[in-house]
Amino acid sequence: MRILVSNDDGVFAPGIACLSAALNDIAQVTTVAPERNHSGASNSLTLESPLRLRLLSNGFYSVNGTPTDSVHLAINELFDQEPDIVIAGINEGANLGDDVIYSGTVAAATEGRFLGLPALAVSLVGDQHYETAAHFCKIILAKLQQFGLKEAQVININVPDIPINEVKGIKLTRLGSRHRAEAMLKQQDPRGKDIFWIGPPGKTQDADEGTDFHAINNGYVSVTPLTIDLTHQSALAKMQQQWGES
């Protein structure tokens, strides 16, 4: 099996090193990631400057671009034979609910999907037990292989930041949701000019049973299949009825 590993935390992040090492036991792994942290980059592409691919001493490749750039460049230019799957992570911090809209980790997986490959996005809800996330990534990958990897499938995985033996199991979930983000943080630079920081994410709004938030809060790994079609189907049907279109 050939696996392309990427992330949004950057090529030197501990999560991608842990994931690549764990997957090397079961597959041929190629690791290509941004040269610096691009958390929150979503599906952005670099269009105004050229991309450069650099082979590092540890065998990983760095790209002077975004997570989407990294996966796009790797699949189109680096492989003689395309990988069987793209796995993004292990992200430092959760990608739950509305987070997936902004997540560079999910975006790296999504780019694999856009290029016709199945993809996993793996996040640790914390920054300590990366080995737990790697362990359950391998279990979930084996289960997906058992039933056949589906082309253009994206699976979002979140893992509680606890030792492996404390995880209660794996739950199939839907995305929960948050309240609106908190206010911007306003400060002044040394010259007295206003500067602004994006505020913390909003508190959870929908964390009911069945959501990814609920699974994590109760010590389970959350596994959520994602769809890329943003069409609001019920609104479309209602507008067609109101506007007289079919």
C-alpha atoms as a PDB file:
ATOM      1  CA  MET A   1       0.000   0.000   0.000  1.00  0.00           C
ATOM      2  CA  ARG A   2       1.230   3.492  -0.905  1.00  0.00           C
ATOM      3  CA  ILE A   3       0.281   6.318   1.465  1.00  0.00           C
ATOM      4  CA  LEU A   4       0.818  10.057   1.072  1.00  0.00           C
ATOM      5  CA  VAL A   5       1.056  11.732   4.488  1.00  0.00           C
ATOM      6  CA  SER A   6       0.637  15.492   4.888  1.00  0.00           C
ATOM      7  CA  ASN A   7      -0.561  17.987   7.494  1.00  0.00           C
ATOM      8  CA  ASP A   8      -1.135  21.671   8.268  1.00  0.00           C
ATOM      9  CA  ASP A   9       1.101  22.002  11.349  1.00  0.00           C
ATOM     10  CA  GLY A  10       4.226  21.888   9.195  1.00  0.00           C
ATOM     11  CA  VAL A  11       6.748  19.292   8.165  1.00  0.00           C
ATOM     12  CA  PHE A  12       8.625  19.472  11.486  1.00  0.00           C
ATOM     13  CA  ALA A  13       5.555  18.958  13.699  1.00  0.00           C
ATOM     14  CA  PRO A  14       5.648  15.977  16.097  1.00  0.00           C
ATOM     15  CA  GLY A  15       2.303  14.662  14.880  1.00  0.00           C
ATOM     16  CA  ILE A  16       3.411  14.051  11.309  1.00  0.00           C
ATOM     17  CA  ALA A  17       6.597  12.318  12.482  1.00  0.00           C
ATOM     18  CA  CYS A  18       4.588   9.993  14.741  1.00  0.00           C
ATOM     19  CA  LEU A  19       2.030   9.202  12.034  1.00  0.00           C
ATOM     20  CA  SER A  20       4.628   8.551   9.336  1.00  0.00           C
ATOM     21  CA  ALA A  21       6.625   6.237  11.599  1.00  0.00           C
ATOM     22  CA  ALA A  22       3.517   4.256  12.577  1.00  0.00           C
ATOM     23  CA  LEU A  23       2.319   3.854   8.990  1.00  0.00           C
ATOM     24  CA  ASN A  24       5.791   2.810   7.809  1.00  0.00           C
ATOM     25  CA  ASP A  25       5.119  -0.509   9.560  1.00  0.00           C
ATOM     26  CA  ILE A  26       2.265  -1.334   7.185  1.00  0.00           C
ATOM     27  CA  ALA A  27       2.837   0.655   3.997  1.00  0.00           C
ATOM     28  CA  GLN A  28       5.168   2.569   1.707  1.00  0.00           C
ATOM     29  CA  VAL A  29       4.903   6.110   3.067  1.00  0.00           C
ATOM     30  CA  THR A  30       5.788   9.399   1.382  1.00  0.00           C
ATOM     31  CA  THR A  31       5.554  12.473   3.599  1.00  0.00           C
ATOM     32  CA  VAL A  32       5.034  15.892   1.994  1.00  0.00           C
ATOM     33  CA  ALA A  33       3.990  18.883   4.100  1.00  0.00           C
ATOM     34  CA  PRO A  34       4.213  22.673   4.357  1.00  0.00           C
ATOM     35  CA  GLU A  35       7.571  24.043   5.487  1.00  0.00           C
ATOM     36  CA  ARG A  36       5.809  26.030   8.254  1.00  0.00           C
ATOM     37  CA  ASN A  37       2.579  25.962  10.215  1.00  0.00           C
ATOM     38  CA  HIS A  38      -0.552  26.654   8.141  1.00  0.00           C
ATOM     39  CA  SER A  39      -3.267  25.916  10.691  1.00  0.00           C
ATOM     40  CA  GLY A  40      -6.587  27.402   9.612  1.00  0.00           C
ATOM     41  CA  ALA A  41      -5.515  27.641   5.963  1.00  0.00           C
ATOM     42  CA  SER A  42      -8.537  25.650   4.780  1.00  0.00           C
ATOM     43  CA  ASN A  43      -8.380  24.809   1.040  1.00  0.00           C
ATOM     44  CA  SER A  44      -6.238  27.764  -0.010  1.00  0.00           C
ATOM     45  CA  LEU A  45      -3.879  27.442  -2.975  1.00  0.00           C
ATOM     46  CA  THR A  46      -0.735  29.474  -3.704  1.00  0.00           C
ATOM     47  CA  LEU A  47      -1.339  31.121  -7.080  1.00  0.00           C
ATOM     48  CA  GLU A  48       0.897  34.218  -7.086  1.00  0.00           C
ATOM     49  CA  SER A  49       4.303  32.609  -6.476  1.00  0.00           C
ATOM     50  CA  PRO A  50       6.022  29.359  -7.519  1.00  0.00           C
ATOM     51  CA  LEU A  51       6.118  26.308  -5.295  1.00  0.00           C
ATOM     52  CA  ARG A  52       9.373  24.602  -4.328  1.00  0.00           C
ATOM     53  CA  LEU A  53       9.767  20.999  -3.188  1.00  0.00           C
ATOM     54  CA  ARG A  54      12.716  20.253  -0.907  1.00  0.00           C
ATOM     55  CA  LEU A  55      13.898  16.824   0.278  1.00  0.00           C
ATOM     56  CA  LEU A  56      14.905  16.921   3.945  1.00  0.00           C
ATOM     57  CA  SER A  57      17.496  14.806   5.742  1.00  0.00           C
ATOM     58  CA  ASN A  58      14.779  12.705   7.422  1.00  0.00           C
ATOM     59  CA  GLY A  59      13.295  11.704   4.064  1.00  0.00           C
ATOM     60  CA  PHE A  60      10.300  14.046   4.285  1.00  0.00           C
ATOM     61  CA  TYR A  61       9.563  16.665   1.624  1.00  0.00           C
ATOM     62  CA  SER A  62       8.759  20.279   2.476  1.00  0.00           C
ATOM     63  CA  VAL A  63       6.718  22.654   0.307  1.00  0.00           C
ATOM     64  CA  ASN A  64       6.749  26.452   0.566  1.00  0.00           C
ATOM     65  CA  GLY A  65       2.971  26.519   0.417  1.00  0.00           C
ATOM     66  CA  THR A  66      -0.266  25.403   2.024  1.00  0.00           C
ATOM     67  CA  PRO A  67      -1.520  21.914   2.922  1.00  0.00           C
ATOM     68  CA  THR A  68      -3.560  21.868  -0.287  1.00  0.00           C
ATOM     69  CA  ASP A  69      -0.483  22.895  -2.285  1.00  0.00           C
ATOM     70  CA  SER A  70       1.518  20.084  -0.683  1.00  0.00           C
ATOM     71  CA  VAL A  71      -0.939  17.332  -1.568  1.00  0.00           C
ATOM     72  CA  HIS A  72      -1.630  18.735  -5.034  1.00  0.00           C
ATOM     73  CA  LEU A  73       2.071  19.012  -5.861  1.00  0.00           C
ATOM     74  CA  ALA A  74       2.918  15.597  -4.445  1.00  0.00           C
ATOM     75  CA  ILE A  75       0.225  13.680  -6.316  1.00  0.00           C
ATOM     76  CA  ASN A  76       0.776  15.471  -9.622  1.00  0.00           C
ATOM     77  CA  GLU A  77       4.573  15.649  -9.687  1.00  0.00           C
ATOM     78  CA  LEU A  78       6.233  13.390  -7.137  1.00  0.00           C
ATOM     79  CA  PHE A  79       4.754   9.942  -7.722  1.00  0.00           C
ATOM     80  CA  ASP A  80       5.450   7.602 -10.629  1.00  0.00           C
ATOM     81  CA  GLN A  81       2.428   5.678  -9.380  1.00  0.00           C
ATOM     82  CA  GLU A  82      -0.299   7.498  -7.467  1.00  0.00           C
ATOM     83  CA  PRO A  83      -0.732   6.715  -3.778  1.00  0.00           C
ATOM     84  CA  ASP A  84      -3.637   4.550  -2.679  1.00  0.00           C
ATOM     85  CA  ILE A  85      -4.742   6.997  -0.001  1.00  0.00           C
ATOM     86  CA  VAL A  86      -3.955  10.413   1.505  1.00  0.00           C
ATOM     87  CA  ILE A  87      -3.724  10.676   5.300  1.00  0.00           C
ATOM     88  CA  ALA A  88      -3.423  14.137   6.873  1.00  0.00           C
ATOM     89  CA  GLY A  89      -2.234  14.602  10.457  1.00  0.00           C
ATOM     90  CA  ILE A  90      -1.724  14.035  13.216  1.00  0.00           C
ATOM     91  CA  ASN A  91      -3.069  17.513  13.880  1.00  0.00           C
ATOM     92  CA  GLU A  92      -2.260  19.182  17.198  1.00  0.00           C
ATOM     93  CA  GLY A  93      -5.735  20.003  18.453  1.00  0.00           C
ATOM     94  CA  ALA A  94      -9.284  19.084  17.566  1.00  0.00           C
ATOM     95  CA  ASN A  95     -11.034  19.383  14.228  1.00  0.00           C
ATOM     96  CA  LEU A  96     -14.595  18.941  15.445  1.00  0.00           C
ATOM     97  CA  GLY A  97     -17.885  20.314  14.155  1.00  0.00           C
ATOM     98  CA  ASP A  98     -17.533  23.660  12.396  1.00  0.00           C
ATOM     99  CA  ASP A  99     -13.725  23.420  12.675  1.00  0.00           C
ATOM    100  CA  VAL A 100     -13.636  21.362   9.472  1.00  0.00           C
ATOM    101  CA  ILE A 101     -14.498  24.456   7.406  1.00  0.00           C
ATOM    102  CA  TYR A 102     -11.257  26.169   8.449  1.00  0.00           C
ATOM    103  CA  SER A 103      -9.017  23.159   9.002  1.00  0.00           C
ATOM    104  CA  GLY A 104      -5.882  22.800   6.908  1.00  0.00           C
ATOM    105  CA  THR A 105      -5.705  19.166   8.021  1.00  0.00           C
ATOM    106  CA  VAL A 106      -9.141  18.426   6.581  1.00  0.00           C
ATOM    107  CA  ALA A 107      -8.208  20.494   3.503  1.00  0.00           C
ATOM    108  CA  ALA A 108      -5.159  18.306   2.846  1.00  0.00           C
ATOM    109  CA  ALA A 109      -7.424  15.258   2.961  1.00  0.00           C
ATOM    110  CA  THR A 110     -10.007  17.002   0.797  1.00  0.00           C
ATOM    111  CA  GLU A 111      -7.407  17.712  -1.892  1.00  0.00           C
ATOM    112  CA  GLY A 112      -6.752  13.984  -2.052  1.00  0.00           C
ATOM    113  CA  ARG A 113     -10.476  13.494  -2.562  1.00  0.00           C
ATOM    114  CA  PHE A 114     -10.552  16.143  -5.325  1.00  0.00           C
ATOM    115  CA  LEU A 115      -7.840  14.153  -7.104  1.00  0.00           C
ATOM    116  CA  GLY A 116      -9.881  10.964  -6.882  1.00  0.00           C
ATOM    117  CA  LEU A 117      -8.325   9.298  -3.826  1.00  0.00           C
ATOM    118  CA  PRO A 118      -9.762   8.224  -0.475  1.00  0.00           C
ATOM    119  CA  ALA A 119      -8.468  10.340   2.386  1.00  0.00           C
ATOM    120  CA  LEU A 120      -8.327  10.497   6.170  1.00  0.00           C
ATOM    121  CA  ALA A 121      -7.873  13.561   8.378  1.00  0.00           C
ATOM    122  CA  VAL A 122      -6.534  12.647  11.830  1.00  0.00           C
ATOM    123  CA  SER A 123      -6.533  15.042  14.798  1.00  0.00           C
ATOM    124  CA  LEU A 124      -5.496  14.671  18.428  1.00  0.00           C
ATOM    125  CA  VAL A 125      -7.673  16.663  20.809  1.00  0.00           C
ATOM    126  CA  GLY A 126      -4.596  17.896  22.650  1.00  0.00           C
ATOM    127  CA  ASP A 127      -0.828  17.771  22.207  1.00  0.00           C
ATOM    128  CA  GLN A 128       0.505  14.843  24.237  1.00  0.00           C
ATOM    129  CA  HIS A 129      -0.574  11.335  23.197  1.00  0.00           C
ATOM    130  CA  TYR A 130       0.199  11.282  19.486  1.00  0.00           C
ATOM    131  CA  GLU A 131       0.836   7.537  19.708  1.00  0.00           C
ATOM    132  CA  THR A 132      -2.845   7.073  20.618  1.00  0.00           C
ATOM    133  CA  ALA A 133      -3.967   8.864  17.459  1.00  0.00           C
ATOM    134  CA  ALA A 134      -1.499   6.879  15.316  1.00  0.00           C
ATOM    135  CA  HIS A 135      -2.681   3.595  16.868  1.00  0.00           C
ATOM    136  CA  PHE A 136      -6.339   4.248  16.110  1.00  0.00           C
ATOM    137  CA  CYS A 137      -5.571   5.619  12.654  1.00  0.00           C
ATOM    138  CA  LYS A 138      -4.095   2.215  11.777  1.00  0.00           C
ATOM    139  CA  ILE A 139      -7.121   0.397  13.202  1.00  0.00           C
ATOM    140  CA  ILE A 140      -9.555   2.576  11.240  1.00  0.00           C
ATOM    141  CA  LEU A 141      -7.491   2.242   8.059  1.00  0.00           C
ATOM    142  CA  ALA A 142      -7.543  -1.559   8.403  1.00  0.00           C
ATOM    143  CA  LYS A 143     -11.326  -1.508   8.871  1.00  0.00           C
ATOM    144  CA  LEU A 144     -11.776   0.681   5.784  1.00  0.00           C
ATOM    145  CA  GLN A 145      -9.541  -1.675   3.777  1.00  0.00           C
ATOM    146  CA  GLN A 146     -11.623  -4.621   4.957  1.00  0.00           C
ATOM    147  CA  PHE A 147     -14.713  -3.165   3.320  1.00  0.00           C
ATOM    148  CA  GLY A 148     -12.847  -1.599   0.403  1.00  0.00           C
ATOM    149  CA  LEU A 149     -11.452   1.917   0.221  1.00  0.00           C
ATOM    150  CA  LYS A 150     -13.927   4.150  -1.583  1.00  0.00           C
ATOM    151  CA  GLU A 151     -12.601   6.622  -4.126  1.00  0.00           C
ATOM    152  CA  ALA A 152     -13.148  10.286  -3.261  1.00  0.00           C
ATOM    153  CA  GLN A 153     -14.089   9.434   0.322  1.00  0.00           C
ATOM    154  CA  VAL A 154     -13.041  11.727   3.191  1.00  0.00           C
ATOM    155  CA  ILE A 155     -13.090  10.485   6.790  1.00  0.00           C
ATOM    156  CA  ASN A 156     -12.535  12.925   9.675  1.00  0.00           C
ATOM    157  CA  ILE A 157     -11.012  11.290  12.763  1.00  0.00           C
ATOM    158  CA  ASN A 158     -10.609  12.906  16.178  1.00  0.00           C
ATOM    159  CA  VAL A 159      -8.840  11.107  19.032  1.00  0.00           C
ATOM    160  CA  PRO A 160      -8.963  11.978  22.748  1.00  0.00           C
ATOM    161  CA  ASP A 161      -5.620  12.988  24.238  1.00  0.00           C
ATOM    162  CA  ILE A 162      -5.313  10.025  26.609  1.00  0.00           C
ATOM    163  CA  PRO A 163      -3.264   6.807  26.697  1.00  0.00           C
ATOM    164  CA  ILE A 164      -4.334   4.047  24.299  1.00  0.00           C
ATOM    165  CA  ASN A 165      -5.663   1.779  27.039  1.00  0.00           C
ATOM    166  CA  GLU A 166      -7.954   4.527  28.370  1.00  0.00           C
ATOM    167  CA  VAL A 167      -9.822   5.027  25.092  1.00  0.00           C
ATOM    168  CA  LYS A 168     -13.288   3.474  25.389  1.00  0.00           C
ATOM    169  CA  GLY A 169     -13.710   2.646  21.708  1.00  0.00           C
ATOM    170  CA  ILE A 170     -14.597   4.092  18.320  1.00  0.00           C
ATOM    171  CA  LYS A 171     -17.862   5.887  17.514  1.00  0.00           C
ATOM    172  CA  LEU A 172     -19.282   6.726  14.088  1.00  0.00           C
ATOM    173  CA  THR A 173     -20.515  10.305  14.426  1.00  0.00           C
ATOM    174  CA  ARG A 174     -21.950  13.353  12.724  1.00  0.00           C
ATOM    175  CA  LEU A 175     -20.441  16.816  12.998  1.00  0.00           C
ATOM    176  CA  GLY A 176     -21.595  18.874  15.959  1.00  0.00           C
ATOM    177  CA  SER A 177     -21.556  22.665  15.941  1.00  0.00           C
ATOM    178  CA  ARG A 178     -20.324  25.668  17.912  1.00  0.00           C
ATOM    179  CA  HIS A 179     -21.781  29.035  18.830  1.00  0.00           C
ATOM    180  CA  ARG A 180     -20.338  31.979  16.888  1.00  0.00           C
ATOM    181  CA  ALA A 181     -16.680  32.704  17.561  1.00  0.00           C
ATOM    182  CA  GLU A 182     -15.763  35.055  20.358  1.00  0.00           C
ATOM    183  CA  ALA A 183     -14.875  38.697  19.643  1.00  0.00           C
ATOM    184  CA  MET A 184     -11.617  39.816  18.074  1.00  0.00           C
ATOM    185  CA  LEU A 185      -8.800  40.701  20.455  1.00  0.00           C
ATOM    186  CA  LYS A 186      -7.699  44.307  19.934  1.00  0.00           C
ATOM    187  CA  GLN A 187      -4.239  45.491  21.025  1.00  0.00           C
ATOM    188  CA  GLN A 188      -1.733  48.134  20.019  1.00  0.00           C
ATOM    189  CA  ASP A 189       1.688  47.628  18.501  1.00  0.00           C
ATOM    190  CA  PRO A 190       4.774  49.482  19.898  1.00  0.00           C
ATOM    191  CA  ARG A 191       3.958  52.447  17.633  1.00  0.00           C
ATOM    192  CA  GLY A 192       0.431  52.789  18.970  1.00  0.00           C
ATOM    193  CA  LYS A 193      -1.275  51.333  15.898  1.00  0.00           C
ATOM    194  CA  ASP A 194      -4.236  49.007  16.393  1.00  0.00           C
ATOM    195  CA  ILE A 195      -3.663  45.305  15.758  1.00  0.00           C
ATOM    196  CA  PHE A 196      -6.207  42.501  15.918  1.00  0.00           C
ATOM    197  CA  TRP A 197      -6.099  38.792  16.769  1.00  0.00           C
ATOM    198  CA  ILE A 198      -8.740  36.243  15.816  1.00  0.00           C
ATOM    199  CA  GLY A 199     -10.627  35.335  19.007  1.00  0.00           C
ATOM    200  CA  PRO A 200     -11.105  31.840  20.451  1.00  0.00           C
ATOM    201  CA  PRO A 201     -13.641  29.507  18.816  1.00  0.00           C
ATOM    202  CA  GLY A 202     -17.180  29.582  20.184  1.00  0.00           C
ATOM    203  CA  LYS A 203     -18.371  27.148  22.804  1.00  0.00           C
ATOM    204  CA  THR A 204     -20.121  23.995  21.670  1.00  0.00           C
ATOM    205  CA  GLN A 205     -23.757  24.406  20.668  1.00  0.00           C
ATOM    206  CA  ASP A 206     -24.677  20.941  19.403  1.00  0.00           C
ATOM    207  CA  ALA A 207     -22.753  18.332  21.366  1.00  0.00           C
ATOM    208  CA  ASP A 208     -25.594  15.855  21.721  1.00  0.00           C
ATOM    209  CA  GLU A 209     -25.201  12.099  21.604  1.00  0.00           C
ATOM    210  CA  GLY A 210     -24.185  11.040  18.116  1.00  0.00           C
ATOM    211  CA  THR A 211     -21.954  14.071  17.511  1.00  0.00           C
ATOM    212  CA  ASP A 212     -18.179  14.116  17.312  1.00  0.00           C
ATOM    213  CA  PHE A 213     -18.084  16.425  20.360  1.00  0.00           C
ATOM    214  CA  HIS A 214     -20.064  13.933  22.439  1.00  0.00           C
ATOM    215  CA  ALA A 215     -17.800  11.026  21.460  1.00  0.00           C
ATOM    216  CA  ILE A 216     -14.625  12.907  22.408  1.00  0.00           C
ATOM    217  CA  ASN A 217     -16.108  14.212  25.656  1.00  0.00           C
ATOM    218  CA  ASN A 218     -16.865  10.634  26.670  1.00  0.00           C
ATOM    219  CA  GLY A 219     -13.478   9.120  25.828  1.00  0.00           C
ATOM    220  CA  TYR A 220     -14.210   7.702  22.375  1.00  0.00           C
ATOM    221  CA  VAL A 221     -12.506   8.154  19.022  1.00  0.00           C
ATOM    222  CA  SER A 222     -14.817  10.023  16.657  1.00  0.00           C
ATOM    223  CA  VAL A 223     -15.066   8.933  13.003  1.00  0.00           C
ATOM    224  CA  THR A 224     -17.127  11.162  10.705  1.00  0.00           C
ATOM    225  CA  PRO A 225     -17.529  10.662   6.939  1.00  0.00           C
ATOM    226  CA  LEU A 226     -17.588  14.044   5.194  1.00  0.00           C
ATOM    227  CA  THR A 227     -19.280  15.164   2.006  1.00  0.00           C
ATOM    228  CA  ILE A 228     -17.966  17.978  -0.185  1.00  0.00           C
ATOM    229  CA  ASP A 229     -21.286  18.885  -1.848  1.00  0.00           C
ATOM    230  CA  LEU A 230     -22.322  22.129  -0.119  1.00  0.00           C
ATOM    231  CA  THR A 231     -25.710  22.272  -1.857  1.00  0.00           C
ATOM    232  CA  HIS A 232     -28.545  22.915   0.601  1.00  0.00           C
ATOM    233  CA  GLN A 233     -30.862  20.331  -0.907  1.00  0.00           C
ATOM    234  CA  SER A 234     -34.039  21.179   1.027  1.00  0.00           C
ATOM    235  CA  ALA A 235     -33.591  24.914   0.333  1.00  0.00           C
ATOM    236  CA  LEU A 236     -33.023  24.155  -3.351  1.00  0.00           C
ATOM    237  CA  ALA A 237     -36.240  22.131  -3.540  1.00  0.00           C
ATOM    238  CA  LYS A 238     -38.196  24.896  -1.764  1.00  0.00           C
ATOM    239  CA  MET A 239     -36.801  27.612  -4.056  1.00  0.00           C
ATOM    240  CA  GLN A 240     -37.595  25.540  -7.137  1.00  0.00           C
ATOM    241  CA  GLN A 241     -41.160  25.237  -5.891  1.00  0.00           C
ATOM    242  CA  GLN A 242     -41.424  28.965  -5.084  1.00  0.00           C
ATOM    243  CA  TRP A 243     -39.773  30.114  -8.310  1.00  0.00           C
ATOM    244  CA  GLY A 244     -41.637  27.625 -10.501  1.00  0.00           C
ATOM    245  CA  GLU A 245     -38.484  25.868 -11.691  1.00  0.00           C
ATOM    246  CA  SER A 246     -37.961  22.136 -12.032  1.00  0.00           C
END
